[in-house]
Amino acid sequence: MESQTAPGSSQVSRGLILPIIIFLTGFFLYLASAAGAVLAESVALKIALAALSGAFIANLAIIGHDAVHRSFTRIRWLNRIIGTVAFLPALHPYGRWEQHHNRIHHCYTAQIGVDNAFSPMTPEQYRSASRAHRLYYRFMRSLIGQPFFYMIDIWALSMFVPYARRDHGLRVADWRDIAFVYAWLVLSTIGFTLLSWSFKGGFFPGNFWNGALYGVVIPFLVWNVFISFVTIVQHTGPKVRWVMPTGRFSTQEERLNGTVHIVFPGALDWFFHRVMQHLVHHVNPIIPLYHLKDGEAKLIADAEATNVETWTPLYHWRLARDCKLYDPIEDRWCGFPEVVRGFHASSALAD
């Protein structure tokens, strides 16, 4: 996938000094906000700083995402180091993300049941599913369920305990990456506990819960809400088109039809490294985050991509309301009521 070119890709270069500065700044601000959350006195300030720390985990994970694509810097081994470290606060092993994102999502974009980016069920799949599965699916497609999507459906078994799957196919490098994540979880929890104890004193259990909750748990949960949101809005929407599995890599047309450019406020767009300018990334993943804006603008200007949406709470509500099931035969989204009515009608005719 990385060998494909994008508009203007011949002018794209991967830097060295700029990406290192971006990474080190993001990592420092993550640690500073997490430490501030642990040391703050008021609960409101602690929660606010913990949430900010979660935002910086997302910021770092976007850097890690680029590094796994080998697009962040021009040095391969440096990408490996930066990607490994950048993903640690998100509790993501480098190799498992590479498998999940590069080798599945980018290769089979918008293929129902294969792509892992909030893949919809078809009406037929929904009708044939068990009652428990249908209820679970309906919950995940709701506004209340969406924030839990990534942590439950992706992170738990694909990232954190992938060896729980019988078909895990883990390599030696994967086990090493998983060990790094577990070590980070233990050491960061101990570190924030000791930080709390050093400044606050008192009994150890209270410092442990203070360090673990505000330094690790809340930031991690905020990151999970963010990655669920990003995954959903980038590949679900009224104009998004999904297809049944083809047995081959998705074509450029299929990737563009299954991806959305989300217009975000300028400051947020900058803070999250232009991650919502996603169309050109699916044309050429080698374009680094610090060149995404120019590449995306050219792609849209050349009219090669028209799936552009401005995110608002109302848009997201409509997305959650309308994008329930995808009918590949009629090539459109449909809701649960019409599928259930159609099922009952066909059953009555059969009787």
Foldseek 3Di string as FASTA:
>chain_A
DQVFDFVVRVVFDAADVVLVVQLVVLVVLLQVLLLCLLADDDPVSNLVSLLVSLLSLLLLQLLLLLLLVVQNHVDNVVSVVSNLVSCQLLLFQSVLCCCLPVVFCLFAPQAAPGNPLLHAAALVRLVPDDPVVNVLLLQCLAPNNLLCCCVPVPCPCSGQPVVVDPPSPDDPSRVVSNVSNVVSLVVQLVVQLVSSCVPPNDDSVVSSCSSCVSNRVSSNSSNSSVVSVLSDVFFFAQQAWHAHDDVGTDDLVNNLSRGAQEDDPPVVCVSNLVVSLPSSCSSHVSRHSVCSVVSSVVCVVVVVHDRYYYDDPVRVNVRSQFAHHAHNVVRGHHDDVVSVVVVVVVVVVVD
